[in-house]
Amino acid sequence: MRSIGEMARDSGLGVSALRFYDRAGVLVPARVDPASGYRWYAPEQLDEARVLARLRRAGMPLADIRLALAGWSGADPDLVRRLLQAHLRRLERGLAEARSEFSTLRALLDHRENPMTASPRTNAVRLSLGSPELAGAIDAVRFAVGKDPELPMLGGVLFDVDGDTLHVVATDRYRMAVARMASGSGSDSASPSASASASASAGHGGPREQVVVPAPLVDAMRALLGSDEPAGFAVEADRVTLEAGERQASGQRLAHDFPDYRRLVQLPAGRRVVVDVPALREALETGPVRTAEAGEPGPSARDVSVLATTDDGTVTVVGDGDADGNSVGVDRGFLLDALAAADRDRLVLEFGAAPTAPLAIRRTDDEGTFSLLMPVRLDS
C-alpha cells in the first residue's frame, strides 16, 4: 500500500489533487484509516493515477476522465480511445477558433495607432519628491514586478504623473500593487537638482505622463533614498534620472506601454476585515497548505492558503475539510509578500462578492496604497 504522499510523488499528482479526485469519486483510495482519515492506495492504483495525471494535464473534462479510468481497467480499450479522440478534436477545434480570433485581433491592432512605433517622446517631466515617501512607494510595489520575458512591459515599475499626484504601480498579472503620493515640480527647463528644491505642492503642471522604469533602475533609485533630503525625478525623451544630493541613478525607460491599471483596480465594494498582521502571518506560515498544480491559472507549482472569514469578522487559514463556497485561495508566498510590503501591524483585507474576485490588501491609513492578489481556483 502507498501513502498519499508516496502516491503523489510517484504519480505526478499533488496531494491536494489526490484528495480532490477522492472527493469527486474518480480515484478513491483502497483504504482510509477510520481514526485518522489517512488515505492508502493499492499498488495497482498507481497506474490509474499516472493515467489520470496525463489526462488532467491534457485538459480533459472531469466527466470524461471518470469514464476513461473506468474503461482503462476494462478488457476493451475502445471507450478510452474514443474519449481521447473526442477530446483531441475539441482541442483542435478550440485552437482553430482561437487562431481565427487572434488573427482578427491582430488586424484590429494593425489599424490602431501604435505608441511604441510613434515618434520619440519629447515631453519632459520634472518632479520634486520626498525621499522617504518615494522609498515607501517603491517598497510598497516592488514585489509585484513581473519577470515573464514574454511580457517585457511588466518588467518594470510605472511612474504615472497626473497633476500633483504620482502613482507608482507594478503587476505581474497575478498580483498588482499601487502606491500614491504627492509630487512637486520645477519648470521643464530645470535640472533634476533644481527641481528637487521646488515646492512639493506645485505639482507636475503639465499633461499626464507615464514612464515605465525597468526593475534594475528602480532598485538603483531605491538605493539612493536613504535620507530625508528631497529627490529630483526627471524624464527627458527616453532617459530617466533620479538625483538625491550628490548621487544619481540614470538609465533608459522601457520602450513599452503599461496596461491601464485604473481599469484593473475598479472593483465592486467587498467585505472588509481588519486583520492583525503578525497573527495572520503566523497562521499562514504554520497553517494548512495546498499545492497548486501546473496547468492551473497562475505560476506552476506553488503553495496555496485558503482564507475564510467567521461571523465575528476573523480571518482564518483553513484546511480542505473546513473550506466552503465563500473561502478564497491565494498564493501563500504572494500574500506574505504583500503583507511585508504594506509594512503595517494592522491591514484591511477586502474580499470580493465571489471567491473568483481579487483579494485586496489595503492600509487602514491610506486608501491610495494597496495591492491586489488574483485568487487560485479551489475546485482543481
Protein backbone atom coordinates (compact mmCIF):
# COMPACT_ATOMS: atom_id res chain seq x y z
CA MET A 1 0.00 0.00 0.00
CA ARG A 2 1.14 3.54 -0.77
CA SER A 3 0.56 6.52 1.46
CA ILE A 4 -0.95 9.62 -0.12
CA GLY A 5 2.46 11.31 -0.05
CA GLU A 6 4.12 8.37 -1.83
CA MET A 7 1.28 8.26 -4.33
CA ALA A 8 1.71 11.95 -5.06
CA ARG A 9 5.47 11.54 -5.54
CA ASP A 10 5.17 8.52 -7.86
CA SER A 11 2.12 9.56 -9.90
CA GLY A 12 2.73 13.23 -10.67
CA LEU A 13 -0.46 14.29 -8.90
CA GLY A 14 -0.21 16.58 -5.91
CA VAL A 15 -1.63 15.62 -2.53
CA SER A 16 -4.40 18.21 -2.87
CA ALA A 17 -5.27 16.82 -6.33
CA LEU A 18 -5.49 13.27 -4.94
CA ARG A 19 -7.82 14.50 -2.20
CA PHE A 20 -9.94 16.30 -4.78
CA TYR A 21 -10.25 13.22 -7.00
CA ASP A 22 -11.13 11.13 -3.95
CA ARG A 23 -13.96 13.52 -3.05
CA ALA A 24 -15.10 13.50 -6.69
CA GLY A 25 -15.19 9.70 -6.72
CA VAL A 26 -12.67 9.47 -9.55
CA LEU A 27 -9.74 7.85 -7.74
CA VAL A 28 -10.90 6.56 -4.38
CA PRO A 29 -8.19 5.18 -2.03
CA ALA A 30 -8.24 1.46 -1.38
CA ARG A 31 -8.31 2.13 2.35
CA VAL A 32 -8.98 5.12 4.60
CA ASP A 33 -7.88 4.91 8.23
CA PRO A 34 -11.12 5.28 10.25
CA ALA A 35 -9.33 7.03 13.11
CA SER A 36 -7.04 9.46 11.31
CA GLY A 37 -8.74 9.67 7.91
CA TYR A 38 -5.38 8.97 6.25
CA ARG A 39 -5.61 7.63 2.70
CA TRP A 40 -3.82 4.49 1.45
CA TYR A 41 -3.64 3.35 -2.17
CA ALA A 42 -3.27 -0.17 -3.60
CA PRO A 43 -0.29 -0.92 -5.90
CA GLU A 44 -2.50 -1.23 -8.99
CA GLN A 45 -3.90 2.27 -8.41
CA LEU A 46 -0.54 3.84 -9.29
CA ASP A 47 -1.08 3.05 -12.98
CA GLU A 48 -4.53 4.68 -12.86
CA ALA A 49 -3.14 7.73 -11.08
CA ARG A 50 -0.47 8.19 -13.75
CA VAL A 51 -3.12 7.96 -16.47
CA LEU A 52 -5.24 10.45 -14.54
CA ALA A 53 -2.30 12.85 -14.28
CA ARG A 54 -1.79 12.74 -18.06
CA LEU A 55 -5.48 13.27 -18.79
CA ARG A 56 -5.52 16.16 -16.34
CA ARG A 57 -2.51 17.81 -17.98
CA ALA A 58 -4.23 17.38 -21.34
CA GLY A 59 -7.22 19.32 -20.00
CA MET A 60 -9.79 16.54 -20.31
CA PRO A 61 -13.11 17.33 -18.56
CA LEU A 62 -13.75 15.58 -15.26
CA ALA A 63 -16.73 13.62 -16.58
CA ASP A 64 -14.62 12.18 -19.42
CA ILE A 65 -11.74 11.41 -17.04
CA ARG A 66 -14.12 9.39 -14.92
CA LEU A 67 -15.25 7.33 -17.92
CA ALA A 68 -11.72 6.95 -19.26
CA LEU A 69 -10.48 5.47 -15.97
CA ALA A 70 -13.44 3.13 -15.87
CA GLY A 71 -12.62 2.00 -19.40
CA TRP A 72 -8.91 1.74 -18.64
CA SER A 73 -9.49 -1.04 -16.15
CA GLY A 74 -11.70 -2.99 -18.59
CA ALA A 75 -10.74 -5.52 -21.21
CA ASP A 76 -11.86 -3.42 -24.20
CA PRO A 77 -9.90 -0.15 -24.64
CA ASP A 78 -12.26 1.17 -27.33
CA LEU A 79 -14.03 3.54 -24.93
CA VAL A 80 -10.74 5.11 -23.87
CA ARG A 81 -9.62 5.55 -27.48
CA ARG A 82 -12.89 7.20 -28.43
CA LEU A 83 -12.73 9.56 -25.45
CA LEU A 84 -9.16 10.53 -26.35
CA GLN A 85 -10.12 11.16 -29.97
CA ALA A 86 -13.15 13.22 -29.00
CA HIS A 87 -11.08 15.36 -26.62
CA LEU A 88 -8.36 15.84 -29.22
CA ARG A 89 -10.96 17.03 -31.74
CA ARG A 90 -12.28 19.51 -29.16
CA LEU A 91 -8.77 20.82 -28.57
CA GLU A 92 -8.07 21.16 -32.29
CA ARG A 93 -11.39 22.91 -32.85
CA GLY A 94 -10.72 25.25 -29.96
CA LEU A 95 -7.23 26.00 -31.28
CA ALA A 96 -8.60 26.76 -34.74
CA GLU A 97 -11.19 29.12 -33.25
CA ALA A 98 -8.53 30.79 -31.10
CA ARG A 99 -6.28 31.28 -34.14
CA SER A 100 -9.17 32.87 -36.02
CA GLU A 101 -9.97 35.24 -33.16
CA PHE A 102 -6.30 36.15 -32.72
CA SER A 103 -5.98 36.86 -36.42
CA THR A 104 -8.92 39.25 -36.23
CA LEU A 105 -7.48 40.93 -33.15
CA ARG A 106 -4.10 41.39 -34.85
CA ALA A 107 -5.83 43.02 -37.81
CA LEU A 108 -7.63 45.39 -35.43
CA LEU A 109 -4.35 46.18 -33.69
CA ASP A 110 -2.71 46.95 -37.05
CA HIS A 111 -5.36 49.61 -37.65
CA ARG A 112 -4.73 51.29 -34.35
CA GLU A 113 -2.07 53.86 -33.66
CA ASN A 114 0.82 52.01 -32.01
CA PRO A 115 2.55 54.23 -29.43
CA MET A 116 5.66 52.06 -29.49
CA THR A 117 6.33 52.91 -33.17
CA ALA A 118 5.27 56.54 -32.93
CA SER A 119 7.67 59.45 -32.90
CA PRO A 120 10.01 59.64 -29.89
CA ARG A 121 8.54 61.01 -26.68
CA THR A 122 9.51 64.63 -26.18
CA ASN A 123 7.54 65.67 -23.10
CA ALA A 124 9.84 66.37 -20.17
CA VAL A 125 8.98 65.53 -16.59
CA ARG A 126 10.50 67.27 -13.57
CA LEU A 127 9.37 66.23 -10.10
CA SER A 128 10.44 67.06 -6.60
CA LEU A 129 9.75 64.08 -4.36
CA GLY A 130 10.29 63.45 -0.69
CA SER A 131 12.91 60.71 -0.37
CA PRO A 132 11.18 58.81 2.47
CA GLU A 133 7.83 58.96 0.64
CA LEU A 134 9.31 57.76 -2.65
CA ALA A 135 11.22 54.99 -0.88
CA GLY A 136 7.99 53.87 0.80
CA ALA A 137 6.11 53.92 -2.51
CA ILE A 138 8.76 51.79 -4.24
CA ASP A 139 8.87 49.35 -1.32
CA ALA A 140 5.07 49.02 -1.47
CA VAL A 141 5.04 47.87 -5.11
CA ARG A 142 8.45 46.36 -5.95
CA PHE A 143 7.39 42.80 -5.01
CA ALA A 144 4.76 42.74 -7.79
CA VAL A 145 7.09 43.47 -10.74
CA GLY A 146 6.76 40.84 -13.47
CA LYS A 147 9.57 38.51 -14.58
CA ASP A 148 7.98 36.91 -17.65
CA PRO A 149 10.22 37.57 -20.70
CA GLU A 150 7.14 37.24 -22.91
CA LEU A 151 5.66 40.34 -21.22
CA PRO A 152 8.54 42.84 -21.04
CA MET A 153 6.15 45.77 -20.41
CA LEU A 154 5.52 44.31 -16.94
CA GLY A 155 9.22 44.08 -16.10
CA GLY A 156 9.35 47.50 -14.50
CA VAL A 157 7.52 50.00 -12.32
CA LEU A 158 5.10 52.53 -13.79
CA PHE A 159 5.52 56.14 -12.67
CA ASP A 160 2.19 57.78 -13.52
CA VAL A 161 2.32 61.57 -13.06
CA ASP A 162 -1.06 63.26 -13.11
CA GLY A 163 -1.14 66.84 -11.85
CA ASP A 164 0.22 66.91 -8.32
CA THR A 165 -0.23 63.16 -7.81
CA LEU A 166 2.22 60.37 -8.55
CA HIS A 167 1.04 56.79 -8.74
CA VAL A 168 3.67 54.05 -8.61
CA VAL A 169 2.38 50.73 -9.98
CA ALA A 170 3.66 47.21 -10.64
CA THR A 171 1.96 43.98 -11.75
CA ASP A 172 2.92 40.50 -12.91
CA ARG A 173 -0.71 39.60 -13.88
CA TYR A 174 -1.32 37.56 -10.72
CA ARG A 175 -0.84 40.48 -8.34
CA MET A 176 -0.83 44.25 -8.60
CA ALA A 177 0.46 46.90 -6.22
CA VAL A 178 -0.35 50.61 -6.29
CA ALA A 179 1.15 53.42 -4.20
CA ARG A 180 0.04 57.06 -4.29
CA MET A 181 1.99 60.11 -3.21
CA ALA A 182 2.01 63.86 -3.75
CA SER A 183 4.59 65.30 -6.11
CA GLY A 184 6.16 68.67 -6.78
CA SER A 185 7.93 70.04 -9.83
CA GLY A 186 10.03 72.76 -11.29
CA SER A 187 9.82 74.09 -14.83
CA ASP A 188 10.59 71.90 -17.82
CA SER A 189 13.90 73.66 -18.21
CA ALA A 190 15.02 72.97 -14.67
CA SER A 191 17.66 70.38 -13.91
CA PRO A 192 16.75 67.44 -11.64
CA SER A 193 18.66 69.02 -8.78
CA ALA A 194 16.85 72.32 -9.29
CA SER A 195 13.50 70.60 -9.33
CA ALA A 196 14.42 68.86 -6.10
CA SER A 197 14.28 72.20 -4.35
CA ALA A 198 10.91 73.19 -5.82
CA SER A 199 7.76 73.39 -3.79
CA ALA A 200 6.21 69.96 -3.12
CA SER A 201 2.78 71.45 -3.68
CA ALA A 202 3.48 72.81 -7.15
CA GLY A 203 2.64 69.57 -8.98
CA HIS A 204 3.79 68.44 -12.40
CA GLY A 205 1.96 71.28 -14.13
CA GLY A 206 1.80 69.54 -17.49
CA PRO A 207 -0.23 66.82 -19.20
CA ARG A 208 -0.43 63.39 -17.68
CA GLU A 209 2.82 61.50 -18.23
CA GLN A 210 3.62 57.82 -17.77
CA VAL A 211 7.03 56.19 -17.78
CA VAL A 212 7.91 52.56 -17.13
CA VAL A 213 11.23 52.28 -15.29
CA PRO A 214 12.97 48.89 -15.59
CA ALA A 215 13.34 46.96 -12.35
CA PRO A 216 17.17 47.21 -12.12
CA LEU A 217 16.98 51.00 -12.46
CA VAL A 218 14.20 51.12 -9.85
CA ASP A 219 16.45 49.21 -7.46
CA ALA A 220 19.31 51.62 -8.15
CA MET A 221 16.98 54.55 -7.45
CA ARG A 222 15.79 53.00 -4.23
CA ALA A 223 19.39 52.60 -3.04
CA LEU A 224 19.82 56.40 -3.21
CA LEU A 225 16.86 57.15 -0.95
CA GLY A 226 18.46 56.83 2.45
CA SER A 227 17.93 60.29 3.91
CA ASP A 228 15.28 62.97 4.34
CA GLU A 229 16.60 65.17 1.54
CA PRO A 230 14.31 65.75 -1.46
CA ALA A 231 14.89 63.74 -4.63
CA GLY A 232 14.69 65.03 -8.19
CA PHE A 233 12.96 62.72 -10.66
CA ALA A 234 13.35 63.66 -14.32
CA VAL A 235 12.42 62.18 -17.70
CA GLU A 236 13.95 63.51 -20.91
CA ALA A 237 12.86 61.64 -24.05
CA ASP A 238 13.78 58.01 -23.28
CA ARG A 239 16.06 58.66 -20.31
CA VAL A 240 15.05 58.56 -16.65
CA THR A 241 17.15 60.15 -13.89
CA LEU A 242 16.84 60.32 -10.13
CA GLU A 243 19.11 62.62 -8.13
CA ALA A 244 19.39 62.62 -4.35
CA GLY A 245 22.00 65.00 -3.03
CA GLU A 246 25.23 64.36 -4.92
CA ARG A 247 24.22 60.89 -6.07
CA GLN A 248 22.45 59.97 -9.27
CA ALA A 249 20.87 56.92 -10.95
CA SER A 250 20.05 57.15 -14.62
CA GLY A 251 19.03 54.82 -17.45
CA GLN A 252 16.68 54.11 -20.33
CA ARG A 253 12.93 53.82 -19.81
CA LEU A 254 11.22 50.69 -21.09
CA ALA A 255 10.06 51.12 -24.68
CA HIS A 256 6.66 49.67 -23.87
CA ASP A 257 3.34 50.98 -22.66
CA PHE A 258 1.98 49.80 -19.32
CA PRO A 259 -1.60 48.44 -19.20
CA ASP A 260 -4.30 50.82 -17.96
CA TYR A 261 -4.13 49.86 -14.31
CA ARG A 262 -7.06 52.14 -13.45
CA ARG A 263 -9.40 49.72 -15.18
CA LEU A 264 -7.98 46.81 -13.20
CA VAL A 265 -8.44 48.39 -9.76
CA GLN A 266 -12.08 49.41 -10.24
CA LEU A 267 -13.66 46.65 -8.17
CA PRO A 268 -17.11 46.47 -6.60
CA ALA A 269 -17.09 47.12 -2.88
CA GLY A 270 -16.40 43.93 -0.97
CA ARG A 271 -16.43 42.61 2.56
CA ARG A 272 -13.72 44.32 4.62
CA VAL A 273 -12.00 42.72 7.58
CA VAL A 274 -9.31 44.38 9.71
CA VAL A 275 -6.57 41.85 10.50
CA ASP A 276 -3.69 41.70 12.93
CA VAL A 277 -0.77 41.22 10.54
CA PRO A 278 1.67 39.34 12.84
CA ALA A 279 -1.08 36.88 13.78
CA LEU A 280 -2.12 36.37 10.16
CA ARG A 281 1.49 35.89 9.09
CA GLU A 282 1.98 33.22 11.74
CA ALA A 283 -1.23 31.47 10.65
CA LEU A 284 -0.05 31.48 7.03
CA GLU A 285 3.39 30.14 7.90
CA THR A 286 2.15 27.36 10.20
CA GLY A 287 -1.34 26.62 8.85
CA PRO A 288 -2.56 24.08 6.28
CA VAL A 289 -1.32 24.47 2.72
CA ARG A 290 -2.48 23.16 -0.62
CA THR A 291 -0.29 22.68 -3.67
CA ALA A 292 -1.40 24.32 -6.90
CA GLU A 293 -0.64 22.02 -9.79
CA ALA A 294 0.86 23.02 -13.13
CA GLY A 295 -1.86 23.99 -15.57
CA GLU A 296 -3.93 25.99 -13.12
CA PRO A 297 -4.12 29.75 -13.60
CA GLY A 298 -1.01 31.45 -12.29
CA PRO A 299 2.58 30.29 -11.87
CA SER A 300 3.03 26.49 -11.89
CA ALA A 301 3.57 24.63 -8.62
CA ARG A 302 3.23 26.84 -5.54
CA ASP A 303 1.74 26.77 -2.05
CA VAL A 304 -1.85 27.92 -1.64
CA SER A 305 -3.50 29.06 1.59
CA VAL A 306 -7.29 29.04 1.92
CA LEU A 307 -8.78 32.01 3.77
CA ALA A 308 -12.17 32.01 5.42
CA THR A 309 -13.97 34.63 7.49
CA THR A 310 -16.01 33.89 10.59
CA ASP A 311 -19.22 35.60 11.66
CA ASP A 312 -17.30 37.80 14.10
CA GLY A 313 -15.06 39.13 11.30
CA THR A 314 -11.98 36.98 11.96
CA VAL A 315 -9.87 35.71 9.06
CA THR A 316 -8.65 32.13 9.47
CA VAL A 317 -6.46 29.82 7.39
CA VAL A 318 -8.45 26.60 6.88
CA GLY A 319 -7.81 23.10 5.59
CA ASP A 320 -9.65 21.13 2.92
CA GLY A 321 -12.42 19.95 5.21
CA ASP A 322 -13.24 23.43 6.51
CA ALA A 323 -13.33 25.31 3.20
CA ASP A 324 -16.73 26.38 1.88
CA GLY A 325 -18.12 28.22 -1.11
CA ASN A 326 -17.00 31.58 0.29
CA SER A 327 -13.43 30.56 1.04
CA VAL A 328 -10.71 32.19 -1.05
CA GLY A 329 -7.49 30.51 -2.15
CA VAL A 330 -4.39 32.68 -2.54
CA ASP A 331 -0.75 32.06 -3.26
CA ARG A 332 0.74 31.96 0.23
CA GLY A 333 4.07 33.49 -0.81
CA PHE A 334 2.31 36.29 -2.69
CA LEU A 335 0.18 37.16 0.33
CA LEU A 336 3.18 37.13 2.66
CA ASP A 337 4.99 39.45 0.23
CA ALA A 338 2.01 41.81 0.17
CA LEU A 339 1.79 41.89 3.98
CA ALA A 340 5.51 42.66 4.25
CA ALA A 341 5.33 45.38 1.59
CA ALA A 342 2.39 47.08 3.31
CA ASP A 343 4.59 47.43 6.44
CA ARG A 344 1.74 47.80 8.93
CA ASP A 345 0.67 45.83 12.01
CA ARG A 346 -2.99 46.19 11.02
CA LEU A 347 -4.35 45.97 7.49
CA VAL A 348 -7.70 45.62 5.78
CA LEU A 349 -8.38 42.51 3.73
CA GLU A 350 -11.19 43.15 1.26
CA PHE A 351 -12.89 40.03 -0.07
CA GLY A 352 -14.92 40.31 -3.26
CA ALA A 353 -18.53 39.24 -3.71
CA ALA A 354 -17.31 35.93 -5.19
CA PRO A 355 -14.23 33.75 -4.50
CA THR A 356 -13.08 34.49 -8.05
CA ALA A 357 -12.69 38.23 -7.33
CA PRO A 358 -9.24 39.63 -6.44
CA LEU A 359 -8.32 39.90 -2.77
CA ALA A 360 -7.39 43.48 -1.85
CA ILE A 361 -4.84 44.27 0.88
CA ARG A 362 -5.33 47.88 2.00
CA ARG A 363 -3.74 50.11 4.59
CA THR A 364 -6.00 51.50 7.26
CA ASP A 365 -4.42 54.96 6.94
CA ASP A 366 -4.05 55.28 3.16
CA GLU A 367 -6.68 54.15 0.65
CA GLY A 368 -4.38 55.07 -2.25
CA THR A 369 -1.74 52.45 -1.42
CA PHE A 370 -2.90 48.85 -1.78
CA SER A 371 -2.28 45.56 -3.54
CA LEU A 372 -4.50 43.02 -5.29
CA LEU A 373 -3.99 39.26 -5.48
CA MET A 374 -5.71 37.06 -8.02
CA PRO A 375 -7.33 34.07 -6.29
CA VAL A 376 -6.45 30.44 -7.00
CA ARG A 377 -9.24 28.10 -8.01
CA LEU A 378 -10.06 25.68 -5.22
CA ASP A 379 -12.02 23.17 -7.33
CA SER A 380 -8.97 21.96 -9.31
